[in-house]
């Protein structure tokens, strides 16, 4: 879930993008962030928003929320973003203290178990997955204005499988932890090293807003 400062930064960008904007929300949870990003866009014509959510429980809520969302070209995928297209395993998150279950990941949890002990990961499922490049081509996109990525440790897989799409992405908002929360996760300095040509526009506690200097 986004903070007020994060929403303000992205909203300011979207308000300046000529309509129709193209938004991609990866790790969309139940669509809360997609909703305010869409609202921030210029109208008409309506923005296009591609949402990807790997946890079926959250995807079902997302689909219900956006099926009747007026005036928006909303495209929803129940899948994960990975470094290959096909299938992968997801570690499903359950919360001992409430209904929130937004930390499911295709990476095995490590530090997350220590920092957030209310969450447990006792179940796995096999789900479909796409590379960012394959999703970009599947949706016949020629650019992305804002790419919002909340992938719970799989950010390096997004980058590895998304070089062509990222080259045509103007703004990238990405989770960037300082410590490993999931097995194989790249921490903030390593992620930045994987993104030459991108400039840090703003830093947040656990996230970065990056601008593509070549797009």
N, C-alpha and C. Protein backbone atom coordinates (compact mmCIF):
# COMPACT_ATOMS: atom_id res chain seq x y z
N UNK A 1 0.84 -1.19 0.00
CA UNK A 1 0.00 0.00 0.00
C UNK A 1 0.88 1.25 0.00
N UNK A 2 0.45 2.26 -0.72
CA UNK A 2 1.23 3.47 -0.87
C UNK A 2 1.05 4.41 0.31
N UNK A 3 2.02 5.31 0.48
CA UNK A 3 1.95 6.36 1.49
C UNK A 3 1.45 7.65 0.84
N UNK A 4 1.01 8.62 1.65
CA UNK A 4 0.58 9.91 1.06
C UNK A 4 1.68 10.55 0.21
N UNK A 5 2.92 10.48 0.66
CA UNK A 5 4.02 11.09 -0.11
C UNK A 5 4.21 10.40 -1.45
N UNK A 6 4.08 9.08 -1.47
CA UNK A 6 4.22 8.34 -2.72
C UNK A 6 3.08 8.66 -3.67
N UNK A 7 1.87 8.73 -3.15
CA UNK A 7 0.71 9.07 -3.99
C UNK A 7 0.85 10.47 -4.57
N UNK A 8 1.34 11.39 -3.77
CA UNK A 8 1.50 12.77 -4.25
C UNK A 8 2.53 12.84 -5.37
N UNK A 9 3.63 12.12 -5.23
CA UNK A 9 4.68 12.16 -6.26
C UNK A 9 4.20 11.59 -7.57
N UNK A 10 3.54 10.44 -7.54
CA UNK A 10 3.06 9.81 -8.76
C UNK A 10 1.90 10.59 -9.37
N UNK A 11 1.01 11.08 -8.54
CA UNK A 11 -0.13 11.85 -9.04
C UNK A 11 0.33 13.10 -9.79
N UNK A 12 1.36 13.76 -9.27
CA UNK A 12 1.88 14.95 -9.94
C UNK A 12 2.41 14.62 -11.33
N UNK A 13 3.03 13.46 -11.48
CA UNK A 13 3.52 13.02 -12.78
C UNK A 13 2.35 12.72 -13.72
N UNK A 14 1.38 11.97 -13.25
CA UNK A 14 0.27 11.55 -14.10
C UNK A 14 -0.58 12.72 -14.57
N UNK A 15 -0.70 13.72 -13.75
CA UNK A 15 -1.50 14.89 -14.15
C UNK A 15 -0.90 15.61 -15.35
N UNK A 16 0.40 15.45 -15.56
CA UNK A 16 1.09 16.15 -16.66
C UNK A 16 1.20 15.31 -17.93
N UNK A 17 0.84 14.04 -17.84
CA UNK A 17 0.96 13.16 -19.00
C UNK A 17 -0.25 13.34 -19.92
N UNK A 18 -0.03 13.62 -21.19
CA UNK A 18 -1.17 13.77 -22.10
C UNK A 18 -2.02 12.51 -22.15
N UNK A 19 -3.32 12.69 -22.19
CA UNK A 19 -4.23 11.55 -22.28
C UNK A 19 -4.12 10.91 -23.68
N UNK A 20 -4.26 9.58 -23.74
CA UNK A 20 -4.50 8.65 -22.64
C UNK A 20 -3.20 8.13 -22.04
N UNK A 21 -3.10 8.08 -20.74
CA UNK A 21 -1.93 7.54 -20.08
C UNK A 21 -1.97 6.01 -20.08
N UNK A 22 -0.79 5.41 -20.04
CA UNK A 22 -0.67 3.96 -19.90
C UNK A 22 0.03 3.66 -18.58
N UNK A 23 -0.69 2.95 -17.70
CA UNK A 23 -0.19 2.59 -16.38
C UNK A 23 -0.07 1.08 -16.30
N UNK A 24 0.97 0.61 -15.65
CA UNK A 24 1.09 -0.82 -15.37
C UNK A 24 1.31 -0.98 -13.87
N UNK A 25 0.47 -1.77 -13.24
CA UNK A 25 0.52 -2.00 -11.79
C UNK A 25 0.83 -3.48 -11.57
N UNK A 26 2.06 -3.78 -11.18
CA UNK A 26 2.52 -5.15 -11.01
C UNK A 26 2.60 -5.48 -9.53
N UNK A 27 1.88 -6.51 -9.12
CA UNK A 27 1.68 -6.75 -7.71
C UNK A 27 0.57 -5.84 -7.22
N UNK A 28 -0.54 -5.87 -7.95
CA UNK A 28 -1.61 -4.87 -7.79
C UNK A 28 -2.44 -5.05 -6.54
N UNK A 29 -2.24 -6.15 -5.82
CA UNK A 29 -3.01 -6.44 -4.61
C UNK A 29 -4.50 -6.41 -4.96
N UNK A 30 -5.29 -5.54 -4.34
CA UNK A 30 -6.72 -5.48 -4.62
C UNK A 30 -7.12 -4.23 -5.40
N UNK A 31 -6.11 -3.55 -5.95
CA UNK A 31 -6.37 -2.45 -6.87
C UNK A 31 -6.41 -1.07 -6.27
N UNK A 32 -6.07 -0.94 -5.01
CA UNK A 32 -6.16 0.38 -4.38
C UNK A 32 -5.24 1.40 -5.05
N UNK A 33 -4.02 0.99 -5.37
CA UNK A 33 -3.09 1.93 -5.98
C UNK A 33 -3.47 2.23 -7.43
N UNK A 34 -3.94 1.22 -8.14
CA UNK A 34 -4.42 1.48 -9.51
C UNK A 34 -5.54 2.52 -9.51
N UNK A 35 -6.43 2.44 -8.53
CA UNK A 35 -7.59 3.34 -8.49
C UNK A 35 -7.17 4.79 -8.38
N UNK A 36 -6.27 5.11 -7.45
CA UNK A 36 -5.90 6.53 -7.31
C UNK A 36 -5.01 6.99 -8.46
N UNK A 37 -4.21 6.08 -9.05
CA UNK A 37 -3.42 6.48 -10.22
C UNK A 37 -4.33 6.82 -11.40
N UNK A 38 -5.34 6.01 -11.60
CA UNK A 38 -6.31 6.28 -12.67
C UNK A 38 -6.99 7.62 -12.44
N UNK A 39 -7.38 7.87 -11.22
CA UNK A 39 -8.06 9.13 -10.89
C UNK A 39 -7.18 10.34 -11.15
N UNK A 40 -5.86 10.16 -10.99
CA UNK A 40 -4.93 11.28 -11.19
C UNK A 40 -4.70 11.62 -12.65
N UNK A 41 -5.09 10.74 -13.57
CA UNK A 41 -4.83 10.95 -15.00
C UNK A 41 -5.75 11.99 -15.60
N UNK A 42 -5.26 12.56 -16.70
CA UNK A 42 -6.09 13.50 -17.47
C UNK A 42 -7.14 12.72 -18.26
N UNK A 43 -8.28 13.31 -18.43
CA UNK A 43 -9.38 12.73 -19.22
C UNK A 43 -9.85 13.80 -20.20
N UNK A 44 -10.57 13.41 -21.29
CA UNK A 44 -10.55 12.11 -21.94
C UNK A 44 -9.35 12.03 -22.88
N UNK A 45 -9.08 10.95 -23.57
CA UNK A 45 -9.74 9.65 -23.38
C UNK A 45 -9.25 8.97 -22.11
N UNK A 46 -9.91 7.89 -21.74
CA UNK A 46 -9.62 7.20 -20.49
C UNK A 46 -8.24 6.55 -20.52
N UNK A 47 -7.58 6.50 -19.38
CA UNK A 47 -6.28 5.83 -19.32
C UNK A 47 -6.42 4.32 -19.50
N UNK A 48 -5.33 3.70 -19.87
CA UNK A 48 -5.26 2.26 -19.93
C UNK A 48 -4.43 1.77 -18.74
N UNK A 49 -4.97 0.81 -18.00
CA UNK A 49 -4.30 0.31 -16.80
C UNK A 49 -4.21 -1.20 -16.86
N UNK A 50 -2.98 -1.73 -16.87
CA UNK A 50 -2.75 -3.17 -16.88
C UNK A 50 -2.35 -3.56 -15.47
N UNK A 51 -3.12 -4.46 -14.86
CA UNK A 51 -2.88 -4.88 -13.48
C UNK A 51 -2.55 -6.36 -13.44
N UNK A 52 -1.53 -6.72 -12.67
CA UNK A 52 -1.10 -8.11 -12.52
C UNK A 52 -1.04 -8.42 -11.03
N UNK A 53 -1.74 -9.48 -10.62
CA UNK A 53 -1.73 -9.89 -9.21
C UNK A 53 -1.61 -11.41 -9.15
N UNK A 54 -0.65 -11.88 -8.34
CA UNK A 54 -0.34 -13.31 -8.30
C UNK A 54 -1.18 -14.10 -7.32
N UNK A 55 -1.64 -13.46 -6.24
CA UNK A 55 -2.41 -14.15 -5.20
C UNK A 55 -3.88 -14.18 -5.60
N UNK A 56 -4.42 -15.38 -5.83
CA UNK A 56 -5.78 -15.52 -6.32
C UNK A 56 -6.80 -14.85 -5.39
N UNK A 57 -6.58 -14.89 -4.09
CA UNK A 57 -7.50 -14.26 -3.15
C UNK A 57 -7.61 -12.77 -3.42
N UNK A 58 -6.49 -12.13 -3.65
CA UNK A 58 -6.50 -10.70 -3.93
C UNK A 58 -6.97 -10.40 -5.35
N UNK A 59 -6.60 -11.28 -6.28
CA UNK A 59 -7.04 -11.06 -7.66
C UNK A 59 -8.56 -11.08 -7.77
N UNK A 60 -9.22 -11.96 -7.05
CA UNK A 60 -10.68 -12.02 -7.11
C UNK A 60 -11.31 -10.72 -6.64
N UNK A 61 -10.74 -10.11 -5.61
CA UNK A 61 -11.24 -8.81 -5.14
C UNK A 61 -10.93 -7.72 -6.17
N UNK A 62 -9.71 -7.76 -6.70
CA UNK A 62 -9.32 -6.80 -7.74
C UNK A 62 -10.28 -6.85 -8.92
N UNK A 63 -10.58 -8.04 -9.40
CA UNK A 63 -11.46 -8.19 -10.55
C UNK A 63 -12.85 -7.64 -10.24
N UNK A 64 -13.34 -7.92 -9.05
CA UNK A 64 -14.66 -7.40 -8.66
C UNK A 64 -14.65 -5.88 -8.59
N UNK A 65 -13.57 -5.31 -8.08
CA UNK A 65 -13.48 -3.85 -7.93
C UNK A 65 -13.44 -3.14 -9.27
N UNK A 66 -12.84 -3.76 -10.29
CA UNK A 66 -12.61 -3.04 -11.54
C UNK A 66 -13.50 -3.48 -12.69
N UNK A 67 -14.30 -4.50 -12.50
CA UNK A 67 -15.17 -4.94 -13.58
C UNK A 67 -16.12 -3.83 -14.01
N UNK A 68 -16.59 -3.06 -13.05
CA UNK A 68 -17.55 -1.99 -13.36
C UNK A 68 -16.94 -0.60 -13.15
N UNK A 69 -15.61 -0.51 -13.23
CA UNK A 69 -14.94 0.79 -13.04
C UNK A 69 -15.17 1.62 -14.30
N UNK A 70 -15.95 2.66 -14.18
CA UNK A 70 -16.43 3.43 -15.33
C UNK A 70 -15.30 4.13 -16.06
N UNK A 71 -15.33 4.04 -17.39
CA UNK A 71 -14.49 4.86 -18.24
C UNK A 71 -13.02 4.48 -18.28
N UNK A 72 -12.66 3.29 -17.84
CA UNK A 72 -11.26 2.91 -17.79
C UNK A 72 -11.05 1.63 -18.57
N UNK A 73 -9.97 1.59 -19.35
CA UNK A 73 -9.59 0.35 -20.03
C UNK A 73 -8.73 -0.47 -19.07
N UNK A 74 -9.39 -1.25 -18.24
CA UNK A 74 -8.71 -2.03 -17.21
C UNK A 74 -8.48 -3.45 -17.70
N UNK A 75 -7.24 -3.88 -17.66
CA UNK A 75 -6.86 -5.23 -18.09
C UNK A 75 -6.23 -5.91 -16.88
N UNK A 76 -6.75 -7.08 -16.51
CA UNK A 76 -6.31 -7.75 -15.28
C UNK A 76 -5.79 -9.14 -15.59
N UNK A 77 -4.65 -9.47 -14.98
CA UNK A 77 -4.04 -10.78 -15.16
C UNK A 77 -3.80 -11.43 -13.80
N UNK A 78 -4.29 -12.66 -13.63
CA UNK A 78 -3.91 -13.44 -12.44
C UNK A 78 -2.64 -14.18 -12.80
N UNK A 79 -1.51 -13.62 -12.40
CA UNK A 79 -0.21 -14.17 -12.77
C UNK A 79 0.86 -13.46 -11.94
N UNK A 80 2.07 -13.99 -12.03
CA UNK A 80 3.23 -13.35 -11.42
C UNK A 80 4.12 -12.78 -12.52
N UNK A 81 4.95 -11.81 -12.15
CA UNK A 81 6.00 -11.32 -13.03
C UNK A 81 7.30 -12.02 -12.62
N UNK A 82 7.96 -12.65 -13.59
CA UNK A 82 9.17 -13.42 -13.30
C UNK A 82 10.20 -13.19 -14.41
N UNK A 83 11.29 -13.96 -14.35
CA UNK A 83 12.31 -13.84 -15.39
C UNK A 83 12.10 -14.84 -16.52
N UNK A 84 10.93 -15.49 -16.52
CA UNK A 84 10.56 -16.40 -17.61
C UNK A 84 9.04 -16.41 -17.73
N UNK A 85 8.55 -16.84 -18.85
CA UNK A 85 7.12 -16.99 -19.07
C UNK A 85 6.77 -18.48 -19.02
N UNK A 86 5.74 -18.80 -18.24
CA UNK A 86 5.35 -20.19 -18.06
C UNK A 86 4.63 -20.34 -16.75
N UNK A 87 5.21 -21.10 -15.83
CA UNK A 87 4.64 -21.26 -14.49
C UNK A 87 5.74 -21.11 -13.45
N UNK A 88 5.33 -20.84 -12.22
CA UNK A 88 6.25 -20.74 -11.11
C UNK A 88 5.51 -21.03 -9.82
N UNK A 89 6.24 -21.18 -8.72
CA UNK A 89 5.64 -21.40 -7.42
C UNK A 89 5.50 -20.07 -6.69
N UNK A 90 4.39 -19.90 -5.98
CA UNK A 90 4.19 -18.73 -5.15
C UNK A 90 4.06 -19.18 -3.70
N UNK A 91 4.75 -18.46 -2.81
CA UNK A 91 4.62 -18.68 -1.37
C UNK A 91 3.49 -17.79 -0.88
N UNK A 92 2.41 -18.39 -0.44
CA UNK A 92 1.22 -17.64 -0.06
C UNK A 92 1.33 -17.11 1.36
N UNK A 93 0.99 -15.84 1.50
CA UNK A 93 1.09 -15.16 2.78
C UNK A 93 -0.24 -15.24 3.53
N UNK A 94 -0.17 -15.56 4.81
CA UNK A 94 -1.33 -15.50 5.70
C UNK A 94 -0.96 -14.65 6.91
N UNK A 95 -1.93 -13.90 7.40
CA UNK A 95 -1.71 -12.96 8.50
C UNK A 95 -2.40 -13.50 9.75
N UNK A 96 -1.63 -13.72 10.80
CA UNK A 96 -2.19 -14.23 12.05
C UNK A 96 -3.09 -13.22 12.75
N UNK A 97 -2.95 -11.92 12.39
CA UNK A 97 -3.62 -10.86 13.14
C UNK A 97 -4.73 -10.17 12.38
N UNK A 98 -4.95 -10.52 11.13
CA UNK A 98 -5.99 -9.82 10.38
C UNK A 98 -6.09 -10.32 8.95
N UNK A 99 -6.89 -9.64 8.13
CA UNK A 99 -7.15 -10.12 6.76
C UNK A 99 -6.06 -9.76 5.75
N UNK A 100 -5.17 -8.85 6.09
CA UNK A 100 -4.16 -8.41 5.14
C UNK A 100 -3.27 -9.57 4.73
N UNK A 101 -3.10 -9.77 3.42
CA UNK A 101 -2.25 -10.87 2.93
C UNK A 101 -1.52 -10.44 1.67
N UNK A 102 -0.89 -9.27 1.74
CA UNK A 102 -0.27 -8.70 0.55
C UNK A 102 1.20 -9.01 0.37
N UNK A 103 1.75 -10.00 1.08
CA UNK A 103 3.18 -10.27 0.99
C UNK A 103 3.51 -11.59 0.31
N UNK A 104 2.54 -12.20 -0.37
CA UNK A 104 2.84 -13.43 -1.11
C UNK A 104 3.92 -13.14 -2.15
N UNK A 105 4.76 -14.12 -2.42
CA UNK A 105 5.91 -13.88 -3.29
C UNK A 105 6.33 -15.15 -4.01
N UNK A 106 6.95 -14.98 -5.17
CA UNK A 106 7.55 -16.12 -5.85
C UNK A 106 8.95 -16.39 -5.31
N UNK A 107 9.40 -15.56 -4.37
CA UNK A 107 10.65 -15.78 -3.65
C UNK A 107 10.34 -16.36 -2.27
N UNK A 108 11.18 -17.26 -1.80
CA UNK A 108 11.00 -17.83 -0.47
C UNK A 108 11.29 -16.77 0.59
N UNK A 109 10.38 -16.55 1.54
CA UNK A 109 10.61 -15.53 2.57
C UNK A 109 11.77 -15.90 3.48
N UNK A 110 12.59 -14.89 3.81
CA UNK A 110 13.71 -15.07 4.74
C UNK A 110 13.60 -13.98 5.82
N UNK A 111 14.18 -12.80 5.56
CA UNK A 111 14.12 -11.71 6.53
C UNK A 111 12.71 -11.26 6.84
N UNK A 112 11.80 -11.46 5.92
CA UNK A 112 10.41 -11.06 6.14
C UNK A 112 9.84 -11.75 7.38
N UNK A 113 10.22 -12.99 7.60
CA UNK A 113 9.71 -13.75 8.74
C UNK A 113 10.15 -13.12 10.06
N UNK A 114 11.34 -12.53 10.07
CA UNK A 114 11.87 -11.90 11.27
C UNK A 114 11.28 -10.51 11.49
N UNK A 115 11.21 -9.72 10.40
CA UNK A 115 10.76 -8.34 10.53
C UNK A 115 9.25 -8.23 10.68
N UNK A 116 8.52 -9.19 10.14
CA UNK A 116 7.05 -9.15 10.20
C UNK A 116 6.52 -10.50 10.68
N UNK A 117 6.71 -10.81 11.97
CA UNK A 117 6.36 -12.15 12.47
C UNK A 117 4.87 -12.48 12.42
N UNK A 118 4.02 -11.47 12.21
CA UNK A 118 2.58 -11.78 12.12
C UNK A 118 2.22 -12.52 10.84
N UNK A 119 3.13 -12.51 9.86
CA UNK A 119 2.87 -13.19 8.59
C UNK A 119 3.51 -14.58 8.59
N UNK A 120 2.83 -15.53 8.00
CA UNK A 120 3.38 -16.86 7.82
C UNK A 120 3.19 -17.32 6.38
N UNK A 121 4.05 -18.22 5.94
CA UNK A 121 4.05 -18.70 4.57
C UNK A 121 4.15 -20.22 4.61
N UNK A 122 3.03 -20.86 4.80
CA UNK A 122 3.02 -22.31 4.96
C UNK A 122 2.51 -23.05 3.73
N UNK A 123 2.06 -22.30 2.72
CA UNK A 123 1.47 -22.95 1.54
C UNK A 123 2.10 -22.40 0.27
N UNK A 124 2.20 -23.25 -0.73
CA UNK A 124 2.63 -22.80 -2.05
C UNK A 124 1.61 -23.25 -3.09
N UNK A 125 1.59 -22.55 -4.21
CA UNK A 125 0.75 -22.92 -5.34
C UNK A 125 1.54 -22.71 -6.62
N UNK A 126 1.16 -23.42 -7.66
CA UNK A 126 1.73 -23.19 -8.99
C UNK A 126 0.83 -22.23 -9.75
N UNK A 127 1.39 -21.16 -10.28
CA UNK A 127 0.61 -20.15 -11.00
C UNK A 127 1.32 -19.81 -12.32
N UNK A 128 0.59 -19.14 -13.20
CA UNK A 128 1.17 -18.64 -14.43
C UNK A 128 2.07 -17.45 -14.14
N UNK A 129 3.07 -17.28 -14.99
CA UNK A 129 3.94 -16.11 -14.86
C UNK A 129 4.35 -15.61 -16.25
N UNK A 130 4.67 -14.32 -16.29
CA UNK A 130 5.12 -13.66 -17.53
C UNK A 130 6.39 -12.88 -17.25
N UNK A 131 7.22 -12.73 -18.26
CA UNK A 131 8.23 -11.68 -18.19
C UNK A 131 7.54 -10.36 -18.50
N UNK A 132 8.15 -9.28 -18.05
CA UNK A 132 7.62 -7.96 -18.39
C UNK A 132 7.61 -7.75 -19.89
N UNK A 133 8.66 -8.20 -20.58
CA UNK A 133 8.71 -8.04 -22.04
C UNK A 133 7.56 -8.78 -22.72
N UNK A 134 7.28 -10.01 -22.28
CA UNK A 134 6.19 -10.76 -22.90
C UNK A 134 4.84 -10.12 -22.61
N UNK A 135 4.66 -9.59 -21.42
CA UNK A 135 3.41 -8.90 -21.10
C UNK A 135 3.26 -7.64 -21.94
N UNK A 136 4.34 -6.90 -22.12
CA UNK A 136 4.35 -5.69 -22.93
C UNK A 136 3.91 -6.00 -24.36
N UNK A 137 4.45 -7.08 -24.92
CA UNK A 137 4.10 -7.47 -26.28
C UNK A 137 2.68 -8.03 -26.34
N UNK A 138 2.29 -8.79 -25.35
CA UNK A 138 0.96 -9.38 -25.32
C UNK A 138 -0.12 -8.29 -25.35
N UNK A 139 0.12 -7.19 -24.65
CA UNK A 139 -0.85 -6.10 -24.58
C UNK A 139 -0.66 -5.09 -25.71
N UNK A 140 0.26 -5.35 -26.61
CA UNK A 140 0.51 -4.51 -27.79
C UNK A 140 0.78 -3.06 -27.38
N UNK A 141 1.65 -2.90 -26.40
CA UNK A 141 2.01 -1.57 -25.92
C UNK A 141 3.18 -1.02 -26.73
N UNK A 142 3.24 0.29 -26.84
CA UNK A 142 4.42 0.92 -27.43
C UNK A 142 5.18 1.76 -26.42
N UNK A 143 4.58 1.94 -25.23
CA UNK A 143 5.27 2.64 -24.14
C UNK A 143 4.49 2.40 -22.85
N UNK A 144 5.12 2.72 -21.73
CA UNK A 144 4.47 2.74 -20.43
C UNK A 144 4.80 4.08 -19.79
N UNK A 145 3.79 4.81 -19.37
CA UNK A 145 4.04 6.10 -18.72
C UNK A 145 4.52 5.91 -17.28
N UNK A 146 3.80 5.11 -16.51
CA UNK A 146 4.17 4.83 -15.13
C UNK A 146 4.07 3.32 -14.89
N UNK A 147 5.16 2.73 -14.43
CA UNK A 147 5.18 1.32 -14.06
C UNK A 147 5.35 1.25 -12.54
N UNK A 148 4.32 0.73 -11.88
CA UNK A 148 4.33 0.59 -10.42
C UNK A 148 4.60 -0.89 -10.12
N UNK A 149 5.71 -1.18 -9.42
CA UNK A 149 6.13 -2.57 -9.19
C UNK A 149 6.28 -2.84 -7.70
N UNK A 150 5.40 -3.69 -7.18
CA UNK A 150 5.44 -4.11 -5.79
C UNK A 150 5.49 -5.63 -5.78
N UNK A 151 6.67 -6.19 -5.97
CA UNK A 151 6.82 -7.60 -6.32
C UNK A 151 7.41 -8.45 -5.20
N UNK A 152 7.52 -7.91 -4.02
CA UNK A 152 7.91 -8.71 -2.86
C UNK A 152 9.16 -9.56 -3.12
N UNK A 153 10.23 -8.89 -3.49
CA UNK A 153 11.51 -9.58 -3.64
C UNK A 153 11.86 -10.03 -5.03
N UNK A 154 10.94 -9.93 -5.98
CA UNK A 154 11.21 -10.40 -7.35
C UNK A 154 11.55 -9.25 -8.29
N UNK A 155 11.99 -8.13 -7.75
CA UNK A 155 12.29 -6.97 -8.58
C UNK A 155 13.40 -7.27 -9.60
N UNK A 156 14.41 -8.04 -9.18
CA UNK A 156 15.48 -8.35 -10.14
C UNK A 156 14.99 -9.23 -11.28
N UNK A 157 13.98 -10.06 -11.02
CA UNK A 157 13.39 -10.84 -12.10
C UNK A 157 12.62 -9.96 -13.08
N UNK A 158 11.94 -8.96 -12.56
CA UNK A 158 11.28 -7.97 -13.42
C UNK A 158 12.27 -7.34 -14.37
N UNK A 159 13.40 -6.90 -13.84
CA UNK A 159 14.40 -6.22 -14.65
C UNK A 159 15.04 -7.17 -15.66
N UNK A 160 15.37 -8.38 -15.20
CA UNK A 160 16.02 -9.36 -16.09
C UNK A 160 15.13 -9.72 -17.27
N UNK A 161 13.84 -9.81 -17.05
CA UNK A 161 12.92 -10.19 -18.12
C UNK A 161 12.19 -9.03 -18.74
N UNK A 162 12.69 -7.81 -18.52
CA UNK A 162 11.94 -6.65 -19.00
C UNK A 162 12.76 -5.56 -19.67
N UNK A 163 13.88 -5.93 -20.24
CA UNK A 163 14.77 -4.90 -20.80
C UNK A 163 14.13 -4.11 -21.94
N UNK A 164 13.41 -4.77 -22.82
CA UNK A 164 12.79 -4.05 -23.94
C UNK A 164 11.67 -3.15 -23.45
N UNK A 165 10.85 -3.65 -22.53
CA UNK A 165 9.75 -2.84 -22.02
C UNK A 165 10.26 -1.67 -21.19
N UNK A 166 11.28 -1.91 -20.38
CA UNK A 166 11.82 -0.83 -19.54
C UNK A 166 12.43 0.28 -20.40
N UNK A 167 12.97 -0.07 -21.54
CA UNK A 167 13.53 0.94 -22.43
C UNK A 167 12.46 1.90 -22.94
N UNK A 168 11.19 1.48 -22.88
CA UNK A 168 10.08 2.31 -23.34
C UNK A 168 9.17 2.73 -22.18
N UNK A 169 9.71 2.70 -20.97
CA UNK A 169 8.99 3.11 -19.78
C UNK A 169 9.55 4.44 -19.28
N UNK A 170 8.67 5.40 -19.01
CA UNK A 170 9.13 6.74 -18.60
C UNK A 170 9.44 6.83 -17.12
N UNK A 171 8.57 6.26 -16.28
CA UNK A 171 8.73 6.34 -14.83
C UNK A 171 8.56 4.96 -14.23
N UNK A 172 9.43 4.62 -13.29
CA UNK A 172 9.38 3.33 -12.61
C UNK A 172 9.35 3.57 -11.10
N UNK A 173 8.30 3.07 -10.46
CA UNK A 173 8.19 3.10 -9.01
C UNK A 173 8.39 1.66 -8.55
N UNK A 174 9.44 1.41 -7.76
CA UNK A 174 9.83 0.04 -7.47
C UNK A 174 10.21 -0.13 -6.01
N UNK A 175 9.78 -1.24 -5.44
CA UNK A 175 10.18 -1.58 -4.08
C UNK A 175 11.68 -1.86 -4.06
N UNK A 176 12.39 -1.26 -3.10
CA UNK A 176 13.84 -1.40 -3.04
C UNK A 176 14.27 -1.44 -1.58
N UNK A 177 14.37 -2.64 -1.05
CA UNK A 177 14.70 -2.83 0.36
C UNK A 177 16.21 -2.66 0.60
N UNK A 178 16.55 -2.31 1.82
CA UNK A 178 17.95 -2.21 2.21
C UNK A 178 18.49 -3.55 2.72
N UNK A 179 17.60 -4.46 3.11
CA UNK A 179 18.01 -5.78 3.59
C UNK A 179 17.18 -6.83 2.86
N UNK A 180 17.70 -8.05 2.81
CA UNK A 180 17.00 -9.13 2.11
C UNK A 180 15.78 -9.59 2.91
N UNK A 181 14.61 -9.54 2.26
CA UNK A 181 13.38 -10.04 2.86
C UNK A 181 12.98 -11.39 2.27
N UNK A 182 13.46 -11.68 1.07
CA UNK A 182 13.15 -12.93 0.38
C UNK A 182 14.44 -13.49 -0.22
N UNK A 183 14.49 -14.79 -0.33
CA UNK A 183 15.68 -15.45 -0.85
C UNK A 183 15.95 -15.02 -2.29
N UNK A 184 17.17 -14.56 -2.55
CA UNK A 184 17.54 -14.15 -3.90
C UNK A 184 17.15 -12.73 -4.26
N UNK A 185 16.59 -11.98 -3.32
CA UNK A 185 16.19 -10.60 -3.57
C UNK A 185 17.42 -9.72 -3.74
N UNK A 186 17.36 -8.78 -4.66
CA UNK A 186 18.41 -7.77 -4.80
C UNK A 186 18.06 -6.56 -3.95
N UNK A 187 19.00 -6.11 -3.12
CA UNK A 187 18.76 -4.94 -2.28
C UNK A 187 19.01 -3.67 -3.10
N UNK A 188 18.72 -2.53 -2.48
CA UNK A 188 18.66 -1.26 -3.21
C UNK A 188 19.88 -0.96 -4.07
N UNK A 189 21.12 -1.01 -3.55
CA UNK A 189 22.27 -0.69 -4.42
C UNK A 189 22.38 -1.62 -5.62
N UNK A 190 22.06 -2.90 -5.41
CA UNK A 190 22.15 -3.86 -6.52
C UNK A 190 21.09 -3.60 -7.59
N UNK A 191 19.89 -3.22 -7.15
CA UNK A 191 18.84 -2.89 -8.11
C UNK A 191 19.24 -1.70 -8.96
N UNK A 192 19.78 -0.68 -8.32
CA UNK A 192 20.19 0.52 -9.07
C UNK A 192 21.29 0.19 -10.08
N UNK A 193 22.16 -0.73 -9.71
CA UNK A 193 23.23 -1.13 -10.64
C UNK A 193 22.66 -1.86 -11.86
N UNK A 194 21.48 -2.47 -11.69
CA UNK A 194 20.84 -3.18 -12.80
C UNK A 194 20.07 -2.23 -13.72
N UNK A 195 20.00 -0.95 -13.36
CA UNK A 195 19.18 0.00 -14.11
C UNK A 195 20.01 1.19 -14.59
N UNK A 196 21.01 0.95 -15.43
CA UNK A 196 21.77 2.09 -15.98
C UNK A 196 20.86 2.95 -16.85
N UNK A 197 21.08 4.25 -16.78
CA UNK A 197 20.25 5.16 -17.55
C UNK A 197 19.02 5.63 -16.81
N UNK A 198 18.81 5.14 -15.59
CA UNK A 198 17.70 5.57 -14.76
C UNK A 198 18.24 6.44 -13.63
N UNK A 199 17.53 7.53 -13.36
CA UNK A 199 17.90 8.47 -12.31
C UNK A 199 16.90 8.41 -11.18
N UNK A 200 17.40 8.43 -9.95
CA UNK A 200 16.51 8.45 -8.79
C UNK A 200 15.89 9.84 -8.67
N UNK A 201 14.59 9.90 -8.87
CA UNK A 201 13.87 11.17 -8.75
C UNK A 201 13.45 11.43 -7.31
N UNK A 202 13.14 10.36 -6.58
CA UNK A 202 12.72 10.51 -5.18
C UNK A 202 12.90 9.18 -4.47
N UNK A 203 13.35 9.26 -3.22
CA UNK A 203 13.50 8.07 -2.39
C UNK A 203 12.45 8.06 -1.29
N UNK A 204 11.92 6.88 -1.02
CA UNK A 204 10.98 6.69 0.08
C UNK A 204 11.54 5.60 0.99
N UNK A 205 10.84 5.28 2.05
CA UNK A 205 11.38 4.33 3.03
C UNK A 205 11.77 3.00 2.39
N UNK A 206 10.86 2.44 1.62
CA UNK A 206 11.09 1.11 1.04
C UNK A 206 11.00 1.11 -0.48
N UNK A 207 10.87 2.28 -1.08
CA UNK A 207 10.61 2.36 -2.51
C UNK A 207 11.45 3.47 -3.15
N UNK A 208 11.60 3.35 -4.47
CA UNK A 208 12.29 4.37 -5.26
C UNK A 208 11.40 4.79 -6.42
N UNK A 209 11.43 6.08 -6.75
CA UNK A 209 10.82 6.59 -7.96
C UNK A 209 11.95 6.94 -8.90
N UNK A 210 11.99 6.26 -10.06
CA UNK A 210 13.08 6.41 -11.03
C UNK A 210 12.57 6.99 -12.34
N UNK A 211 13.41 7.81 -12.96
CA UNK A 211 13.08 8.41 -14.26
C UNK A 211 14.03 7.86 -15.31
N UNK A 212 13.49 7.45 -16.44
CA UNK A 212 14.28 6.94 -17.56
C UNK A 212 14.83 8.13 -18.35
N UNK A 213 16.13 8.29 -18.34
CA UNK A 213 16.75 9.44 -19.00
C UNK A 213 16.77 9.31 -20.52
N UNK A 214 16.41 8.14 -21.03
CA UNK A 214 16.46 7.90 -22.48
C UNK A 214 15.08 7.70 -23.09
N UNK A 215 14.03 8.05 -22.35
CA UNK A 215 12.68 7.83 -22.85
C UNK A 215 11.87 9.13 -22.75
